[in-house]
Amino acid sequence: GPHGFSLHFHAQVGGDEAQPVLDYLQSVKTVELKPVPFLKKK
């Protein structure tokens, strides 16, 4: 987006609720997702 964060990034930080969206986005265009430092690790 205009602020530099991709849809993939937003879906990644959306957690479990956004997982289907992330799966769809990855099926359209695979992007290497790096760990997000401010997210809690499971």
PDB file of N, CA and C in Angstrom:
ATOM      1  N   GLY A   1       0.804  -1.182   0.000  1.00  0.00           N
ATOM      2  CA  GLY A   1       0.000   0.000   0.000  1.00  0.00           C
ATOM      3  C   GLY A   1       0.855   1.257   0.000  1.00  0.00           C
ATOM      4  N   PRO A   2       0.247   2.396   0.108  1.00  0.00           N
ATOM      5  CA  PRO A   2       0.969   3.653   0.047  1.00  0.00           C
ATOM      6  C   PRO A   2       1.947   3.849   1.210  1.00  0.00           C
ATOM      7  N   HIS A   3       1.747   3.134   2.297  1.00  0.00           N
ATOM      8  CA  HIS A   3       2.645   3.279   3.448  1.00  0.00           C
ATOM      9  C   HIS A   3       3.750   2.231   3.451  1.00  0.00           C
ATOM     10  N   GLY A   4       3.805   1.399   2.424  1.00  0.00           N
ATOM     11  CA  GLY A   4       4.890   0.439   2.296  1.00  0.00           C
ATOM     12  C   GLY A   4       4.618  -0.943   2.852  1.00  0.00           C
ATOM     13  N   PHE A   5       3.448  -1.169   3.422  1.00  0.00           N
ATOM     14  CA  PHE A   5       3.109  -2.488   3.942  1.00  0.00           C
ATOM     15  C   PHE A   5       2.210  -3.200   2.940  1.00  0.00           C
ATOM     16  N   SER A   6       2.601  -4.416   2.563  1.00  0.00           N
ATOM     17  CA  SER A   6       1.848  -5.164   1.559  1.00  0.00           C
ATOM     18  C   SER A   6       0.605  -5.816   2.167  1.00  0.00           C
ATOM     19  N   LEU A   7      -0.268  -6.274   1.291  1.00  0.00           N
ATOM     20  CA  LEU A   7      -1.428  -7.038   1.759  1.00  0.00           C
ATOM     21  C   LEU A   7      -0.966  -8.296   2.482  1.00  0.00           C
ATOM     22  N   HIS A   8       0.110  -8.900   1.980  1.00  0.00           N
ATOM     23  CA  HIS A   8       0.652 -10.092   2.631  1.00  0.00           C
ATOM     24  C   HIS A   8       1.048  -9.775   4.077  1.00  0.00           C
ATOM     25  N   PHE A   9       1.691  -8.640   4.284  1.00  0.00           N
ATOM     26  CA  PHE A   9       2.107  -8.251   5.633  1.00  0.00           C
ATOM     27  C   PHE A   9       0.889  -8.075   6.537  1.00  0.00           C
ATOM     28  N   HIS A  10      -0.116  -7.380   6.045  1.00  0.00           N
ATOM     29  CA  HIS A  10      -1.320  -7.160   6.847  1.00  0.00           C
ATOM     30  C   HIS A  10      -1.990  -8.478   7.210  1.00  0.00           C
ATOM     31  N   ALA A  11      -2.047  -9.395   6.256  1.00  0.00           N
ATOM     32  CA  ALA A  11      -2.643 -10.701   6.543  1.00  0.00           C
ATOM     33  C   ALA A  11      -1.784 -11.473   7.541  1.00  0.00           C
ATOM     34  N   GLN A  12      -0.483 -11.329   7.445  1.00  0.00           N
ATOM     35  CA  GLN A  12       0.411 -12.017   8.376  1.00  0.00           C
ATOM     36  C   GLN A  12       0.185 -11.531   9.807  1.00  0.00           C
ATOM     37  N   VAL A  13       0.088 -10.236   9.999  1.00  0.00           N
ATOM     38  CA  VAL A  13      -0.097  -9.713  11.354  1.00  0.00           C
ATOM     39  C   VAL A  13      -1.539  -9.877  11.829  1.00  0.00           C
ATOM     40  N   GLY A  14      -2.440 -10.243  10.927  1.00  0.00           N
ATOM     41  CA  GLY A  14      -3.836 -10.477  11.287  1.00  0.00           C
ATOM     42  C   GLY A  14      -4.059 -11.756  12.065  1.00  0.00           C
ATOM     43  N   GLY A  15      -3.031 -12.593  12.121  1.00  0.00           N
ATOM     44  CA  GLY A  15      -3.108 -13.804  12.931  1.00  0.00           C
ATOM     45  C   GLY A  15      -4.023 -14.865  12.355  1.00  0.00           C
ATOM     46  N   ASP A  16      -4.598 -15.655  13.266  1.00  0.00           N
ATOM     47  CA  ASP A  16      -5.420 -16.795  12.863  1.00  0.00           C
ATOM     48  C   ASP A  16      -6.644 -16.386  12.055  1.00  0.00           C
ATOM     49  N   GLU A  17      -7.241 -15.257  12.402  1.00  0.00           N
ATOM     50  CA  GLU A  17      -8.435 -14.811  11.677  1.00  0.00           C
ATOM     51  C   GLU A  17      -8.121 -14.482  10.226  1.00  0.00           C
ATOM     52  N   ALA A  18      -6.917 -14.026   9.961  1.00  0.00           N
ATOM     53  CA  ALA A  18      -6.527 -13.625   8.607  1.00  0.00           C
ATOM     54  C   ALA A  18      -5.812 -14.736   7.841  1.00  0.00           C
ATOM     55  N   GLN A  19      -5.644 -15.904   8.446  1.00  0.00           N
ATOM     56  CA  GLN A  19      -4.906 -16.983   7.787  1.00  0.00           C
ATOM     57  C   GLN A  19      -5.502 -17.372   6.434  1.00  0.00           C
ATOM     58  N   PRO A  20      -6.834 -17.482   6.306  1.00  0.00           N
ATOM     59  CA  PRO A  20      -7.381 -17.797   4.973  1.00  0.00           C
ATOM     60  C   PRO A  20      -7.033 -16.740   3.922  1.00  0.00           C
ATOM     61  N   VAL A  21      -6.988 -15.490   4.326  1.00  0.00           N
ATOM     62  CA  VAL A  21      -6.618 -14.414   3.398  1.00  0.00           C
ATOM     63  C   VAL A  21      -5.153 -14.564   3.003  1.00  0.00           C
ATOM     64  N   LEU A  22      -4.297 -14.838   3.973  1.00  0.00           N
ATOM     65  CA  LEU A  22      -2.878 -15.024   3.680  1.00  0.00           C
ATOM     66  C   LEU A  22      -2.677 -16.220   2.755  1.00  0.00           C
ATOM     67  N   ASP A  23      -3.394 -17.302   3.013  1.00  0.00           N
ATOM     68  CA  ASP A  23      -3.298 -18.480   2.144  1.00  0.00           C
ATOM     69  C   ASP A  23      -3.689 -18.130   0.715  1.00  0.00           C
ATOM     70  N   TYR A  24      -4.766 -17.374   0.562  1.00  0.00           N
ATOM     71  CA  TYR A  24      -5.200 -16.962  -0.775  1.00  0.00           C
ATOM     72  C   TYR A  24      -4.144 -16.082  -1.444  1.00  0.00           C
ATOM     73  N   LEU A  25      -3.654 -15.081  -0.724  1.00  0.00           N
ATOM     74  CA  LEU A  25      -2.649 -14.186  -1.298  1.00  0.00           C
ATOM     75  C   LEU A  25      -1.402 -14.956  -1.717  1.00  0.00           C
ATOM     76  N   GLN A  26      -0.997 -15.907  -0.905  1.00  0.00           N
ATOM     77  CA  GLN A  26       0.181 -16.706  -1.240  1.00  0.00           C
ATOM     78  C   GLN A  26      -0.087 -17.591  -2.459  1.00  0.00           C
ATOM     79  N   SER A  27      -1.348 -17.998  -2.671  1.00  0.00           N
ATOM     80  CA  SER A  27      -1.665 -18.813  -3.849  1.00  0.00           C
ATOM     81  C   SER A  27      -1.623 -17.976  -5.122  1.00  0.00           C
ATOM     82  N   VAL A  28      -1.886 -16.683  -5.000  1.00  0.00           N
ATOM     83  CA  VAL A  28      -1.847 -15.780  -6.150  1.00  0.00           C
ATOM     84  C   VAL A  28      -0.406 -15.377  -6.450  1.00  0.00           C
ATOM     85  N   LYS A  29       0.323 -14.983  -5.411  1.00  0.00           N
ATOM     86  CA  LYS A  29       1.729 -14.586  -5.560  1.00  0.00           C
ATOM     87  C   LYS A  29       2.460 -14.953  -4.279  1.00  0.00           C
ATOM     88  N   THR A  30       3.377 -15.890  -4.387  1.00  0.00           N
ATOM     89  CA  THR A  30       4.135 -16.317  -3.218  1.00  0.00           C
ATOM     90  C   THR A  30       5.153 -15.243  -2.841  1.00  0.00           C
ATOM     91  N   VAL A  31       5.117 -14.874  -1.578  1.00  0.00           N
ATOM     92  CA  VAL A  31       6.029 -13.865  -1.041  1.00  0.00           C
ATOM     93  C   VAL A  31       6.724 -14.472   0.168  1.00  0.00           C
ATOM     94  N   GLU A  32       8.043 -14.292   0.250  1.00  0.00           N
ATOM     95  CA  GLU A  32       8.773 -14.760   1.422  1.00  0.00           C
ATOM     96  C   GLU A  32       8.460 -13.826   2.584  1.00  0.00           C
ATOM     97  N   LEU A  33       7.795 -14.369   3.594  1.00  0.00           N
ATOM     98  CA  LEU A  33       7.408 -13.570   4.754  1.00  0.00           C
ATOM     99  C   LEU A  33       8.468 -13.698   5.836  1.00  0.00           C
ATOM    100  N   LYS A  34       8.939 -12.583   6.295  1.00  0.00           N
ATOM    101  CA  LYS A  34       9.930 -12.558   7.365  1.00  0.00           C
ATOM    102  C   LYS A  34       9.200 -12.456   8.702  1.00  0.00           C
ATOM    103  N   PRO A  35       9.827 -12.934   9.776  1.00  0.00           N
ATOM    104  CA  PRO A  35       9.206 -12.792  11.095  1.00  0.00           C
ATOM    105  C   PRO A  35       8.961 -11.317  11.422  1.00  0.00           C
ATOM    106  N   VAL A  36       7.839 -11.069  12.057  1.00  0.00           N
ATOM    107  CA  VAL A  36       7.500  -9.700  12.455  1.00  0.00           C
ATOM    108  C   VAL A  36       7.923  -9.548  13.916  1.00  0.00           C
ATOM    109  N   PRO A  37       8.889  -8.682  14.200  1.00  0.00           N
ATOM    110  CA  PRO A  37       9.467  -8.611  15.544  1.00  0.00           C
ATOM    111  C   PRO A  37       8.492  -8.210  16.646  1.00  0.00           C
ATOM    112  N   PHE A  38       7.440  -7.477  16.311  1.00  0.00           N
ATOM    113  CA  PHE A  38       6.539  -7.026  17.367  1.00  0.00           C
ATOM    114  C   PHE A  38       5.374  -7.978  17.613  1.00  0.00           C
ATOM    115  N   LEU A  39       5.327  -9.110  16.900  1.00  0.00           N
ATOM    116  CA  LEU A  39       4.285 -10.105  17.144  1.00  0.00           C
ATOM    117  C   LEU A  39       4.759 -11.093  18.198  1.00  0.00           C
ATOM    118  N   LYS A  40       3.821 -11.540  19.040  1.00  0.00           N
ATOM    119  CA  LYS A  40       4.152 -12.559  20.024  1.00  0.00           C
ATOM    120  C   LYS A  40       4.339 -13.884  19.301  1.00  0.00           C
ATOM    121  N   LYS A  41       5.365 -14.613  19.715  1.00  0.00           N
ATOM    122  CA  LYS A  41       5.615 -15.928  19.125  1.00  0.00           C
ATOM    123  C   LYS A  41       4.750 -16.947  19.828  1.00  0.00           C
ATOM    124  N   LYS A  42       4.295 -17.933  19.051  1.00  0.00           N
ATOM    125  CA  LYS A  42       3.455 -18.991  19.632  1.00  0.00           C
ATOM    126  C   LYS A  42       4.297 -20.112  20.161  1.00  0.00           C
TER     127      LYS A  42
END
